[in-house]
Amino acid sequence: MDSPASIFTQVSREEASAALQEKGVHSSSSSKKPPRRSIFHSLFCCLCQETEPQPVNNNAPLLTEENGSLQKSTKYLLQEVKPQDAGRICVVIDLDETLVHSSFKPVSNADFIIPVEIDGTVHQVYVLKRPHVDEFLRRMGEMFECVLFTASLAKYADPVADLLDKWGAFRARLFRESCAFHRGNYVKDLSRLGRELNKLVIVDNSPASYIFHPDNAVPVVSWFDDMSDTELLDLIPFFEKLRGVDDVYSVLRQRRTAS
């Protein structure tokens, strides 16, 4: 199944248009296979390499961590914490294969159909919601300062988020231009958010996305179309325990040890 999520995160517009002309491409567990140069492989592999980096916003200075706190800087990716979120942990949440899966091929049970323009042509993107995503987002929005952070282009991810987030759980949305391009991957540099790192967590299916801050990660299994999946539902009790802690590192360390 063609995956626009992979297209919008990892290939150029020209490559995406070319890929849409091809037929007979099928999804598989290729996300676990070594990267290949083929454009078709890049449709399914979120870790594929690019020959040239895309423009990214690297104007915000990198921050250094000292005793779990951020050093002062003048520019961050996020605005000041809103009064409603004062004292809350910030949870950064990925989109594709974490909350939803998308396809250019028609899907009979699609939850959303998003029109996306690529090189002057409008294509329909069929979006499936991961099971229990509604309950997950509703509960996360009640407990944390939630931020959507995706390596996808905004013209695809923004309308998906509009339809997905019925509760206003996401206080902010960050897209590809907010990522750092590092060794062929778009990395979500948590030090640029303007939040204390010891009160910040990232939920993501791709380890490459949080390679700069692996100790802040709550990894999730990539999701495509398994309607019996309970990953998001199973995470809720953990986050209920995480709510209000002074230092996320100790709790996340215990979680890694237990698993």
Protein backbone atom coordinates (compact mmCIF):
# COMPACT_ATOMS: atom_id res chain seq x y z
CA MET A 1 0.00 0.00 0.00
CA ASP A 2 1.44 3.35 -1.03
CA SER A 3 2.15 5.45 2.03
CA PRO A 4 1.92 9.24 1.63
CA ALA A 5 3.20 9.56 5.15
CA SER A 6 6.54 8.20 3.96
CA ILE A 7 6.41 10.37 0.86
CA PHE A 8 5.77 13.55 2.80
CA THR A 9 8.44 12.77 5.36
CA GLN A 10 11.26 11.43 3.25
CA VAL A 11 11.10 12.20 -0.47
CA SER A 12 10.95 15.25 -2.68
CA ARG A 13 7.85 16.46 -4.51
CA GLU A 14 9.23 15.25 -7.81
CA GLU A 15 9.88 11.77 -6.44
CA ALA A 16 6.42 11.64 -4.91
CA SER A 17 4.80 12.53 -8.23
CA ALA A 18 6.83 9.86 -10.01
CA ALA A 19 5.91 7.27 -7.42
CA LEU A 20 2.22 7.99 -7.89
CA GLN A 21 2.48 6.94 -11.54
CA GLU A 22 3.67 3.44 -10.69
CA LYS A 23 1.43 0.44 -10.00
CA GLY A 24 1.70 -2.78 -8.10
CA VAL A 25 3.60 -1.53 -5.07
CA HIS A 26 2.73 -3.46 -1.92
CA SER A 27 3.45 -2.73 1.72
CA SER A 28 5.46 -5.08 3.86
CA SER A 29 7.67 -5.06 6.91
CA SER A 30 10.28 -3.18 4.91
CA SER A 31 10.69 -0.62 7.67
CA LYS A 32 12.93 -3.22 9.26
CA LYS A 33 15.03 -3.78 6.14
CA PRO A 34 18.18 -1.89 5.20
CA PRO A 35 17.55 1.34 3.23
CA ARG A 36 17.62 1.11 -0.55
CA ARG A 37 17.94 3.78 -3.19
CA SER A 38 14.67 2.83 -4.88
CA ILE A 39 11.89 5.41 -4.62
CA PHE A 40 9.43 2.58 -4.01
CA HIS A 41 11.31 1.47 -0.92
CA SER A 42 11.15 5.01 0.40
CA LEU A 43 7.37 4.80 0.35
CA PHE A 44 7.50 2.32 3.20
CA CYS A 45 10.73 3.01 5.05
CA CYS A 46 10.77 5.99 7.37
CA LEU A 47 14.52 5.66 7.77
CA CYS A 48 15.46 5.90 4.09
CA GLN A 49 18.40 8.09 3.16
CA GLU A 50 18.20 11.21 1.00
CA THR A 51 21.01 12.34 -1.25
CA GLU A 52 20.49 15.99 -0.36
CA PRO A 53 18.95 17.51 2.76
CA GLN A 54 15.67 19.38 2.46
CA PRO A 55 15.52 22.92 3.88
CA VAL A 56 14.97 22.80 7.62
CA ASN A 57 14.63 25.45 10.27
CA ASN A 58 17.92 25.45 12.13
CA ASN A 59 17.74 29.08 13.22
CA ALA A 60 16.84 28.22 16.79
CA PRO A 61 20.04 27.65 18.76
CA LEU A 62 20.78 24.21 20.14
CA LEU A 63 20.45 24.02 23.88
CA THR A 64 22.58 22.23 26.40
CA GLU A 65 21.30 20.21 29.30
CA GLU A 66 22.62 20.77 32.80
CA ASN A 67 21.14 18.95 35.79
CA GLY A 68 18.01 18.19 33.80
CA SER A 69 17.35 21.84 32.93
CA LEU A 70 17.68 23.85 29.76
CA GLN A 71 20.19 26.63 29.44
CA LYS A 72 18.61 29.97 28.60
CA SER A 73 18.18 30.88 24.96
CA THR A 74 16.37 33.58 23.06
CA LYS A 75 14.48 31.48 20.53
CA TYR A 76 12.57 28.22 20.79
CA LEU A 77 10.22 26.23 18.61
CA LEU A 78 7.39 26.50 21.14
CA GLN A 79 5.77 29.58 22.64
CA GLU A 80 5.65 30.18 26.38
CA VAL A 81 3.70 27.64 28.40
CA LYS A 82 0.01 28.54 28.59
CA PRO A 83 -1.47 29.08 32.06
CA GLN A 84 -3.59 25.93 31.74
CA ASP A 85 -0.41 23.86 31.27
CA ALA A 86 1.75 25.45 33.95
CA GLY A 87 3.69 22.76 35.80
CA ARG A 88 2.63 20.03 33.41
CA ILE A 89 4.92 17.61 31.61
CA CYS A 90 5.23 18.27 27.88
CA VAL A 91 4.46 15.22 25.74
CA VAL A 92 5.59 15.32 22.10
CA ILE A 93 3.52 12.98 19.93
CA ASP A 94 4.33 11.71 16.44
CA LEU A 95 1.64 11.35 13.75
CA ASP A 96 2.31 8.76 11.02
CA GLU A 97 2.39 5.11 12.06
CA THR A 98 1.98 6.31 15.66
CA LEU A 99 -1.55 7.76 15.57
CA VAL A 100 -2.62 7.13 11.97
CA HIS A 101 -1.64 5.37 8.75
CA SER A 102 -2.22 6.93 5.33
CA SER A 103 -2.38 5.64 1.77
CA PHE A 104 -2.73 7.00 -1.75
CA LYS A 105 -4.70 3.92 -2.73
CA PRO A 106 -8.43 3.97 -1.94
CA VAL A 107 -9.27 2.34 1.38
CA SER A 108 -12.89 1.35 1.96
CA ASN A 109 -12.75 1.96 5.71
CA ALA A 110 -10.81 5.22 5.68
CA ASP A 111 -11.64 7.55 8.55
CA PHE A 112 -10.57 10.64 6.62
CA ILE A 113 -9.91 11.50 2.97
CA ILE A 114 -7.51 14.43 2.64
CA PRO A 115 -6.93 16.24 -0.67
CA VAL A 116 -3.24 17.10 -1.06
CA GLU A 117 -1.73 19.07 -3.94
CA ILE A 118 1.55 17.78 -5.36
CA ASP A 119 3.07 19.64 -8.30
CA GLY A 120 -0.23 21.17 -9.34
CA THR A 121 -2.23 17.93 -9.09
CA VAL A 122 -4.59 17.17 -6.22
CA HIS A 123 -4.34 13.64 -4.85
CA GLN A 124 -6.66 12.00 -2.33
CA VAL A 125 -4.98 10.65 0.79
CA TYR A 126 -6.86 7.94 2.68
CA VAL A 127 -6.24 8.04 6.42
CA LEU A 128 -6.89 5.27 8.95
CA LYS A 129 -6.99 6.07 12.66
CA ARG A 130 -5.14 3.76 14.99
CA PRO A 131 -7.50 1.93 17.37
CA HIS A 132 -8.16 3.84 20.61
CA VAL A 133 -6.54 7.03 19.29
CA ASP A 134 -9.59 9.09 20.30
CA GLU A 135 -9.45 7.95 23.91
CA PHE A 136 -5.68 8.34 23.97
CA LEU A 137 -5.67 11.93 22.72
CA ARG A 138 -8.59 12.98 24.91
CA ARG A 139 -6.90 11.66 28.03
CA MET A 140 -3.45 12.99 27.10
CA GLY A 141 -4.88 16.46 26.54
CA GLU A 142 -6.41 16.38 30.01
CA MET A 143 -3.13 15.49 31.70
CA PHE A 144 -0.28 17.06 29.72
CA GLU A 145 0.89 19.84 27.46
CA CYS A 146 0.71 17.89 24.21
CA VAL A 147 2.59 18.88 21.06
CA LEU A 148 2.21 17.25 17.66
CA PHE A 149 5.66 16.90 16.09
CA THR A 150 5.89 15.23 12.70
CA ALA A 151 8.44 15.09 9.90
CA SER A 152 5.57 15.26 7.41
CA LEU A 153 4.76 18.36 5.41
CA ALA A 154 2.20 20.68 6.97
CA LYS A 155 -0.09 20.58 3.91
CA TYR A 156 -0.74 16.91 4.69
CA ALA A 157 -0.35 16.74 8.47
CA ASP A 158 -2.23 19.91 9.44
CA PRO A 159 -5.60 18.90 7.94
CA VAL A 160 -5.17 15.40 9.38
CA ALA A 161 -4.61 16.91 12.82
CA ASP A 162 -7.66 19.16 12.38
CA LEU A 163 -9.86 16.11 11.93
CA LEU A 164 -8.06 13.87 14.39
CA ASP A 165 -7.82 16.15 17.42
CA LYS A 166 -11.44 16.77 18.43
CA TRP A 167 -10.49 17.85 21.94
CA GLY A 168 -7.76 20.39 21.26
CA ALA A 169 -5.19 18.14 22.90
CA PHE A 170 -2.38 19.57 20.77
CA ARG A 171 -1.32 22.94 22.12
CA ALA A 172 1.08 23.31 19.19
CA ARG A 173 1.95 21.58 15.93
CA LEU A 174 5.46 21.24 14.51
CA PHE A 175 6.23 19.94 11.03
CA ARG A 176 9.20 19.03 8.84
CA GLU A 177 10.72 22.50 8.84
CA SER A 178 11.13 22.26 12.61
CA CYS A 179 13.18 19.06 12.36
CA ALA A 180 16.96 18.86 12.20
CA PHE A 181 18.35 16.95 9.21
CA HIS A 182 20.91 14.50 10.57
CA ARG A 183 22.53 11.63 8.67
CA GLY A 184 19.68 11.26 6.24
CA ASN A 185 16.89 11.52 8.79
CA TYR A 186 14.60 14.23 10.08
CA VAL A 187 15.29 14.35 13.81
CA LYS A 188 13.07 15.98 16.43
CA ASP A 189 15.55 17.88 18.54
CA LEU A 190 13.81 18.18 21.88
CA SER A 191 16.38 20.67 23.18
CA ARG A 192 14.95 23.29 20.81
CA LEU A 193 11.42 23.19 22.21
CA GLY A 194 12.02 25.52 25.14
CA ARG A 195 10.91 23.05 27.80
CA GLU A 196 12.90 21.45 30.61
CA LEU A 197 14.17 18.13 29.33
CA ASN A 198 13.48 16.36 32.60
CA LYS A 199 9.79 17.20 32.13
CA LEU A 200 9.53 16.24 28.49
CA VAL A 201 8.57 12.95 26.79
CA ILE A 202 8.34 11.94 23.13
CA VAL A 203 5.98 9.23 21.84
CA ASP A 204 7.20 7.98 18.47
CA ASN A 205 7.47 4.79 16.41
CA SER A 206 10.81 5.75 14.84
CA PRO A 207 13.98 5.67 16.98
CA ALA A 208 15.70 7.88 14.40
CA SER A 209 13.27 10.67 15.28
CA TYR A 210 14.51 10.93 18.85
CA ILE A 211 18.12 9.85 18.35
CA PHE A 212 19.33 13.03 20.11
CA HIS A 213 17.30 12.27 23.25
CA PRO A 214 16.63 8.51 23.52
CA ASP A 215 16.21 8.73 27.30
CA ASN A 216 13.11 10.89 26.81
CA ALA A 217 11.35 8.41 24.55
CA VAL A 218 8.32 6.22 24.98
CA PRO A 219 8.67 4.00 21.90
CA VAL A 220 5.57 2.60 20.21
CA VAL A 221 5.21 -0.14 17.62
CA SER A 222 4.57 1.09 14.07
CA TRP A 223 0.91 0.76 13.10
CA PHE A 224 -0.51 0.20 9.62
CA ASP A 225 -3.91 -1.53 9.62
CA ASP A 226 -4.21 -3.96 12.55
CA MET A 227 -7.62 -3.11 14.00
CA SER A 228 -6.98 -5.33 17.03
CA ASP A 229 -4.04 -3.16 18.10
CA THR A 230 -4.18 -1.87 21.71
CA GLU A 231 -0.87 0.02 21.91
CA LEU A 232 -2.38 3.44 22.62
CA LEU A 233 -4.92 2.08 25.07
CA ASP A 234 -2.19 0.24 26.95
CA LEU A 235 -0.13 3.43 27.26
CA ILE A 236 -2.81 5.38 29.15
CA PRO A 237 -2.20 3.79 32.58
CA PHE A 238 1.53 4.48 32.25
CA PHE A 239 0.94 8.14 31.47
CA GLU A 240 -1.52 8.44 34.33
CA LYS A 241 1.32 7.38 36.64
CA LEU A 242 3.77 9.73 34.89
CA ARG A 243 1.51 12.72 35.40
CA GLY A 244 2.89 15.14 37.95
CA VAL A 245 6.31 13.58 38.49
CA ASP A 246 9.22 15.98 38.96
CA ASP A 247 11.67 14.08 36.78
CA VAL A 248 10.59 11.87 33.86
CA TYR A 249 13.99 10.21 33.55
CA SER A 250 13.63 8.00 36.61
CA VAL A 251 10.19 6.77 35.51
CA LEU A 252 11.26 6.17 31.92
CA ARG A 253 14.36 4.34 33.12
CA GLN A 254 12.19 2.02 35.19
CA ARG A 255 9.96 1.41 32.20
CA ARG A 256 12.90 0.46 30.00
CA THR A 257 14.27 -1.85 32.67
CA ALA A 258 10.91 -3.55 33.11
CA SER A 259 10.50 -4.12 29.39
